[in-house]
Protein backbone atom coordinates (compact mmCIF):
# COMPACT_ATOMS: atom_id res chain seq x y z
CA UNK A 1 -15.16 -4.98 11.67
CA UNK A 2 -12.31 -2.21 11.69
CA UNK A 3 -12.59 0.76 9.32
CA UNK A 4 -9.99 -0.02 6.25
CA UNK A 5 -9.25 3.56 6.69
CA UNK A 6 -6.46 2.42 9.15
CA UNK A 7 -4.75 1.22 5.97
CA UNK A 8 -4.02 4.81 5.16
CA UNK A 9 -0.34 5.96 5.72
CA UNK A 10 -2.04 9.49 7.20
CA UNK A 11 -1.58 11.00 10.74
CA UNK A 12 -3.46 8.88 12.90
CA UNK A 13 -5.53 12.08 14.10
CA UNK A 14 -6.43 12.62 10.50
CA UNK A 15 -7.79 9.31 10.28
CA UNK A 16 -9.56 9.73 13.36
CA UNK A 17 -11.27 12.64 12.00
CA UNK A 18 -12.58 10.92 9.08
CA UNK A 19 -13.62 7.89 11.06
CA UNK A 20 -15.47 10.75 13.28
CA UNK A 21 -16.64 12.43 9.96
CA UNK A 22 -18.33 9.10 8.59
CA UNK A 23 -15.70 8.09 6.40
CA UNK A 24 -16.12 4.71 7.69
CA UNK A 25 -14.19 2.87 4.45
CA UNK A 26 -11.57 3.91 1.37
CA UNK A 27 -14.68 4.01 -0.46
CA UNK A 28 -16.66 6.10 1.32
CA UNK A 29 -13.44 8.74 1.11
CA UNK A 30 -13.13 8.47 -2.85
CA UNK A 31 -17.21 9.06 -3.47
CA UNK A 32 -16.68 12.45 -2.08
CA UNK A 33 -14.99 15.46 -3.52
CA UNK A 34 -12.01 17.22 -1.97
CA UNK A 35 -14.27 20.04 -1.05
CA UNK A 36 -16.67 17.77 0.59
CA UNK A 37 -13.69 15.97 2.49
CA UNK A 38 -12.46 19.06 3.65
CA UNK A 39 -15.90 20.73 4.55
CA UNK A 40 -17.22 17.21 6.97
CA UNK A 41 -13.11 16.61 8.41
CA UNK A 42 -12.87 20.27 8.66
CA UNK A 43 -9.20 20.77 7.13
CA UNK A 44 -8.72 23.04 4.01
CA UNK A 45 -8.61 21.79 0.74
CA UNK A 46 -4.80 20.98 0.35
CA UNK A 47 -5.07 18.60 3.38
CA UNK A 48 -8.31 17.18 1.79
CA UNK A 49 -6.54 16.55 -1.23
CA UNK A 50 -3.75 14.49 0.10
CA UNK A 51 -6.22 12.34 1.74
CA UNK A 52 -7.66 11.99 -1.39
CA UNK A 53 -4.85 10.94 -3.14
CA UNK A 54 -3.64 8.41 -0.29
CA UNK A 55 -6.92 6.66 -0.69
CA UNK A 56 -6.54 6.41 -4.14
CA UNK A 57 -2.90 4.72 -3.80
CA UNK A 58 -4.58 2.42 -1.02
CA UNK A 59 -7.52 1.41 -3.28
CA UNK A 60 -5.05 0.30 -6.08
CA UNK A 61 -2.69 -1.88 -3.71
CA UNK A 62 -5.61 -3.07 -2.69
CA UNK A 63 -6.87 -4.53 -5.86
CA UNK A 64 -3.23 -5.53 -7.46
CA UNK A 65 -3.06 -9.14 -7.83
CA UNK A 66 0.05 -10.77 -6.11
CA UNK A 67 2.59 -12.67 -8.30
CA UNK A 68 3.17 -16.57 -8.07
CA UNK A 69 6.04 -17.20 -6.12
CA UNK A 70 9.38 -17.98 -8.28
CA UNK A 71 9.72 -21.71 -7.05
CA UNK A 72 12.62 -22.27 -9.79
CA UNK A 73 15.64 -23.95 -8.51
CA UNK A 74 19.28 -22.33 -9.51
CA UNK A 75 22.52 -23.41 -9.09
CA UNK A 76 24.13 -21.38 -6.45
CA UNK A 77 27.78 -19.82 -7.65
CA UNK A 78 29.53 -21.30 -4.67
CA UNK A 79 28.39 -24.89 -6.03
CA UNK A 80 30.43 -24.53 -9.46
CA UNK A 81 33.82 -25.30 -8.33
CA UNK A 82 37.09 -25.60 -10.68
CA UNK A 83 37.88 -29.25 -10.78
CA UNK A 84 42.38 -29.93 -11.22
CA UNK A 85 43.36 -33.20 -12.50
CA UNK A 86 44.96 -35.15 -9.81
CA UNK A 87 46.82 -38.00 -11.99
CA UNK A 88 47.67 -36.02 -15.20
CA UNK A 89 48.84 -38.69 -17.95
């Protein structure tokens, strides 16, 4: 099974470092603190904060329910043509 860490919009090296440090899921990142991420991954607090915020964004995206498709039928504007009388009375 591929880690959902790959869904994060982060540099590949950071994702690899997360996985190597034991963060195998987005949930595991969110279950840690920013200081904990920084310590385990070996990055500064600023980078750890970016990782944490991206994990929150990705988790939110994964839980969104897609809206149903709009299957209403619209009349194309090109189908409305002005009629002219051929035989005026």
